[in-house]
Protein backbone atom coordinates (compact mmCIF):
# COMPACT_ATOMS: atom_id res chain seq x y z
CA MET A 1 183.29 81.89 -20.92
CA ILE A 2 180.79 83.50 -23.06
CA VAL A 3 181.29 80.12 -25.13
CA LEU A 4 180.77 78.31 -22.47
CA LEU A 5 178.10 80.58 -20.94
CA LEU A 6 176.05 79.92 -24.71
CA ILE A 7 176.47 76.17 -24.38
CA PHE A 8 175.26 76.28 -20.92
CA THR A 9 172.13 78.35 -21.85
CA GLY A 10 171.76 76.10 -25.09
CA SER A 11 171.74 73.01 -23.25
CA CYS A 12 169.32 74.66 -20.00
CA GLY A 13 166.85 75.47 -23.37
CA VAL A 14 166.66 72.29 -24.44
CA ILE A 15 166.19 70.73 -21.08
CA GLY A 16 162.93 72.81 -20.64
CA VAL A 17 161.54 72.35 -23.87
CA THR A 18 162.05 68.35 -23.19
CA LEU A 19 160.17 68.81 -19.95
CA TRP A 20 157.26 70.86 -21.19
CA GLN A 21 156.91 68.55 -24.06
CA TYR A 22 156.75 66.14 -21.26
CA GLU A 23 154.37 68.10 -19.29
CA LYS A 24 152.25 68.52 -22.55
CA ALA A 25 151.79 64.87 -23.06
CA SER A 26 150.93 64.11 -19.37
CA ARG A 27 148.09 66.45 -19.45
CA LEU A 28 146.95 65.34 -22.73
CA TYR A 29 146.34 62.12 -21.49
CA ASP A 30 145.06 63.12 -18.42
CA GLY A 31 142.45 64.77 -20.04
CA ILE A 32 142.11 61.80 -22.05
CA SER A 33 141.59 59.64 -18.88
CA SER A 34 139.14 62.01 -16.99
CA GLN A 35 137.05 62.87 -20.31
CA TYR A 36 136.63 59.63 -21.88
CA THR A 37 136.52 56.86 -18.87
CA ALA A 38 135.37 56.59 -15.70
CA LEU A 39 136.28 53.73 -12.40
CA ILE A 40 133.69 51.33 -11.59
CA VAL A 41 133.24 50.78 -8.18
CA PRO A 42 133.44 47.00 -6.94
CA GLU A 43 129.06 47.19 -5.90
CA ASP A 44 128.39 48.12 -9.81
CA ARG A 45 130.00 45.39 -11.39
CA ARG A 46 127.17 43.09 -10.94
CA ASN A 47 124.98 41.80 -14.26
CA THR A 48 121.55 41.05 -14.34
CA ALA A 49 120.83 37.51 -15.98
CA ALA A 50 118.02 35.43 -16.27
CA GLY A 51 116.10 37.94 -13.70
CA SER A 52 118.90 37.26 -10.72
CA GLU A 53 122.10 38.94 -9.75
CA LYS A 54 125.00 37.01 -10.32
CA MET A 55 128.33 38.48 -10.23
CA GLU A 56 129.74 38.37 -13.62
CA GLU A 57 133.70 39.89 -14.34
CA THR A 58 133.88 42.66 -16.34
CA ALA A 59 136.14 45.71 -17.26
CA PRO A 60 136.84 47.52 -13.93
CA ILE A 61 136.98 51.21 -16.22
CA VAL A 62 134.12 52.39 -18.80
CA VAL A 63 135.91 53.46 -21.89
CA ASP A 64 133.53 56.02 -23.95
CA PHE A 65 134.95 54.44 -27.62
CA GLU A 66 132.24 56.02 -29.03
CA ALA A 67 133.49 59.44 -28.42
CA LEU A 68 137.13 58.46 -28.75
CA GLN A 69 136.79 57.66 -32.33
CA LYS A 70 135.63 60.47 -33.22
CA VAL A 71 138.25 62.20 -32.01
CA ASN A 72 140.90 59.69 -33.77
CA LYS A 73 139.61 56.95 -36.16
CA ASP A 74 142.74 54.24 -35.57
CA VAL A 75 141.73 53.87 -31.07
CA ILE A 76 141.27 50.60 -31.30
CA GLY A 77 141.10 50.12 -27.13
CA TRP A 78 142.21 51.45 -24.05
CA ILE A 79 145.03 49.71 -21.54
CA TYR A 80 144.70 50.24 -17.88
CA CYS A 81 146.81 48.99 -15.27
CA GLU A 82 145.32 49.64 -11.44
CA ASP A 83 147.81 51.69 -9.30
CA THR A 84 150.42 52.36 -11.87
CA VAL A 85 150.59 54.92 -14.61
CA ILE A 86 149.79 52.39 -17.15
CA ASP A 87 146.10 54.42 -18.10
CA TYR A 88 146.08 55.21 -22.07
CA PRO A 89 144.23 54.94 -25.30
CA ILE A 90 145.58 51.81 -27.95
CA LEU A 91 146.27 52.78 -31.46
CA GLN A 92 147.21 51.62 -34.66
CA GLY A 93 148.19 53.16 -37.88
CA SER A 94 149.25 52.06 -41.28
CA ASP A 95 152.75 51.73 -40.23
CA ASN A 96 154.87 51.53 -37.29
CA ASP A 97 156.60 55.32 -37.60
CA TYR A 98 153.64 58.06 -37.00
CA TYR A 99 152.32 57.09 -33.20
CA LEU A 100 156.11 56.88 -32.13
CA ASN A 101 155.50 60.88 -32.29
CA HIS A 102 152.12 61.43 -32.83
CA SER A 103 149.33 61.46 -29.88
CA ILE A 104 145.86 60.62 -30.39
CA ASP A 105 144.91 64.46 -31.39
CA GLY A 106 147.39 64.25 -34.37
CA ALA A 107 149.53 66.74 -32.90
CA TYR A 108 154.17 65.86 -33.02
CA SER A 109 154.48 64.81 -29.50
CA ALA A 110 157.69 63.13 -28.08
CA SER A 111 155.90 60.70 -26.31
CA GLY A 112 153.95 59.34 -29.37
CA SER A 113 151.15 56.98 -27.76
CA ILE A 114 150.94 53.26 -27.31
CA PHE A 115 150.43 51.51 -30.75
CA VAL A 116 149.55 48.03 -31.93
CA GLU A 117 151.73 46.61 -34.41
CA ALA A 118 150.96 47.68 -38.11
CA SER A 119 151.27 44.06 -39.29
CA ASN A 120 148.44 42.56 -35.97
CA ARG A 121 144.84 42.47 -36.57
CA GLY A 122 143.31 45.27 -34.62
CA ASP A 123 140.73 42.90 -33.10
CA PHE A 124 143.33 40.92 -30.63
CA LEU A 125 142.42 37.98 -31.75
CA ASP A 126 145.81 37.09 -33.27
CA PHE A 127 148.10 35.15 -30.91
CA ASN A 128 150.28 37.17 -29.98
CA THR A 129 149.45 40.92 -30.28
CA ILE A 130 152.49 43.22 -29.93
CA LEU A 131 151.82 46.98 -28.61
CA TYR A 132 154.35 49.18 -28.26
CA GLY A 133 155.16 52.90 -26.29
CA HIS A 134 157.78 55.05 -25.38
CA HIS A 135 160.20 54.64 -22.29
CA MET A 136 160.12 58.35 -20.87
CA LYS A 137 161.71 59.88 -18.37
CA ASN A 138 159.32 60.75 -16.25
CA LYS A 139 158.18 57.47 -16.25
CA THR A 140 155.05 57.69 -18.49
CA MET A 141 153.58 55.78 -21.05
CA PHE A 142 156.15 52.00 -20.93
CA ALA A 143 158.64 53.58 -18.77
CA THR A 144 158.10 51.41 -16.02
CA LEU A 145 157.51 47.58 -17.96
CA SER A 146 160.67 46.87 -16.31
CA TYR A 147 159.04 47.21 -13.00
CA TRP A 148 157.70 43.91 -13.80
CA ASN A 149 161.28 42.41 -13.11
CA ASP A 150 160.81 42.59 -9.43
CA GLN A 151 158.94 39.45 -8.04
CA LYS A 152 157.37 41.69 -5.20
CA TYR A 153 156.04 44.07 -8.32
CA TYR A 154 154.81 41.75 -10.01
CA GLU A 155 152.51 40.00 -7.09
CA GLU A 156 150.98 43.98 -6.82
CA HIS A 157 150.25 43.99 -9.95
CA PRO A 158 149.27 40.63 -11.53
CA VAL A 159 147.01 41.83 -14.07
CA MET A 160 146.24 44.29 -16.73
CA TRP A 161 143.16 45.45 -18.40
CA ILE A 162 142.35 45.98 -22.23
CA LEU A 163 138.95 47.15 -22.94
CA THR A 164 137.99 46.92 -26.89
CA PRO A 165 134.68 48.11 -28.35
CA GLN A 166 133.86 44.89 -29.23
CA ARG A 167 135.38 43.09 -26.15
CA ASP A 168 137.07 43.61 -22.52
CA TYR A 169 140.31 41.73 -21.56
CA LYS A 170 141.90 40.73 -18.21
CA VAL A 171 145.64 40.00 -19.07
CA GLU A 172 147.33 37.76 -16.62
CA LEU A 173 150.80 38.30 -16.74
CA PHE A 174 153.49 35.61 -17.22
CA SER A 175 156.48 36.51 -18.22
CA ALA A 176 158.73 39.91 -18.15
CA TYR A 177 162.43 40.41 -19.27
CA THR A 178 165.37 42.71 -20.49
CA THR A 179 166.05 41.62 -24.64
CA ALA A 180 167.34 42.21 -27.71
CA ALA A 181 165.34 44.83 -30.12
CA SER A 182 166.10 41.89 -32.90
CA SER A 183 164.78 39.20 -30.67
CA ASP A 184 162.49 36.04 -32.05
CA THR A 185 160.37 37.93 -29.07
CA TYR A 186 158.61 39.72 -32.25
CA GLN A 187 156.99 37.10 -33.65
CA ILE A 188 153.21 37.72 -34.48
CA PHE A 189 151.10 34.34 -34.49
CA GLN A 190 147.78 34.28 -36.53
CA LYS A 191 147.34 30.43 -35.35
CA SER A 192 148.46 28.38 -32.18
CA GLY A 193 150.84 25.41 -33.18
CA GLU A 194 154.08 23.94 -32.31
CA ASP A 195 156.04 27.06 -32.71
CA PHE A 196 153.39 29.21 -30.36
CA THR A 197 153.96 26.68 -27.86
CA LYS A 198 157.88 26.36 -28.10
CA TYR A 199 157.50 30.52 -28.45
CA LEU A 200 155.57 30.77 -25.14
CA ALA A 201 158.35 27.92 -23.22
CA ASP A 202 161.14 30.51 -24.14
CA THR A 203 159.11 33.66 -22.78
CA LEU A 204 158.59 31.50 -19.79
CA ASP A 205 161.86 30.32 -19.52
CA GLN A 206 163.49 34.05 -19.82
CA SER A 207 161.15 35.63 -17.18
CA GLU A 208 162.57 37.44 -14.17
CA PHE A 209 159.14 36.17 -11.83
CA GLN A 210 157.73 33.36 -11.44
CA THR A 211 154.03 32.89 -11.99
CA ASN A 212 151.29 30.14 -11.82
CA ALA A 213 149.58 31.86 -14.82
CA ALA A 214 151.36 29.88 -17.66
CA PRO A 215 149.31 30.24 -20.92
CA GLY A 216 148.46 27.50 -22.93
CA GLN A 217 148.69 27.26 -26.64
CA GLU A 218 145.27 28.05 -27.04
CA ASP A 219 145.50 31.37 -24.92
CA ARG A 220 145.20 34.82 -27.22
CA CYS A 221 148.41 36.69 -25.87
CA VAL A 222 150.12 40.13 -26.45
CA LEU A 223 153.48 41.58 -25.76
CA LEU A 224 154.16 45.10 -24.34
CA SER A 225 157.72 46.68 -25.34
CA THR A 226 159.53 49.67 -24.61
CA CYS A 227 163.11 51.07 -24.98
CA ALA A 228 165.54 49.78 -22.19
CA TYR A 229 168.60 51.26 -21.76
CA VAL A 230 171.25 48.37 -20.72
CA PHE A 231 172.90 47.71 -23.77
CA ASP A 232 172.48 48.72 -27.10
CA ASN A 233 168.95 48.35 -28.64
CA ALA A 234 167.70 46.91 -25.56
CA ARG A 235 163.83 46.55 -25.13
CA ASP A 236 161.87 45.66 -21.83
CA VAL A 237 159.11 43.60 -22.93
CA LEU A 238 156.01 41.65 -20.72
CA HIS A 239 153.87 39.26 -21.82
CA GLY A 240 150.30 38.44 -20.53
CA LYS A 241 147.42 36.37 -21.63
CA LEU A 242 143.76 37.33 -22.83
CA ILE A 243 140.97 36.48 -21.16
CA PRO A 244 137.63 37.29 -22.36
CA VAL A 245 135.15 39.11 -19.39
CA ASN A 246 131.69 40.19 -20.19
CA SER A 247 132.12 43.98 -20.67
CA ALA A 248 133.25 45.71 -23.78
CA GLY A 249 134.12 49.08 -23.19
CA GLY A 250 133.05 48.49 -19.81
CA VAL A 251 129.89 48.03 -20.57
CA SER A 252 128.20 44.39 -19.36
CA ILE A 253 127.33 42.23 -22.30
CA GLY A 254 125.84 39.32 -20.31
CA GLY A 255 126.81 36.52 -19.21
CA GLU A 256 128.41 33.43 -22.02
């Protein structure tokens, strides 16, 4: 009985520490979001060009990248999806290990950060940029990527946004599925061509939802990835094509 009690007490302690870490990470990123970003009301998403007002598509939030990069110079963007938990800074380190278990403030964190593959350029100009995030049990970070395997959920959330200091992008989602960590999904293309066209066709063939937002071979794309628990080393992935809009960090840069 004493041994069982010790085991039970230890297990409760581990669970308690884990839940505390989850809550700490959630508070950190909620605070980062509220301090460095703000929603833009639709009436304010109006751009003045050539002396007359016209609507230009811009990101739905603004991000203070200058202040964020003082917190951490590795911040290269922000990812946002309306009416979801996805609302996080994007970082890029010199490897793919550090931000697996470090948050934006450099502290150890089981939640880690949302980060770009180290082999990618950090400007989203590769034809396939890979973003990683943990599948947290409290449904934070990228834990909800599997939701897009459902057609109805996709139709309710067909786009995300990626904001950067240089340019913002509307992300039109076009494929979601579960794959192996060792699959050909994890490829970086720095130029378009036949290989990239075949890659896009393969991703569309695997998709769990149907869409009219299929990318062309000249479209730059992103791949979001997180762990899945349906088989060993499984991954839930979500693909989207990047549509440049007329803002940077949510601030209008004028019509083009």
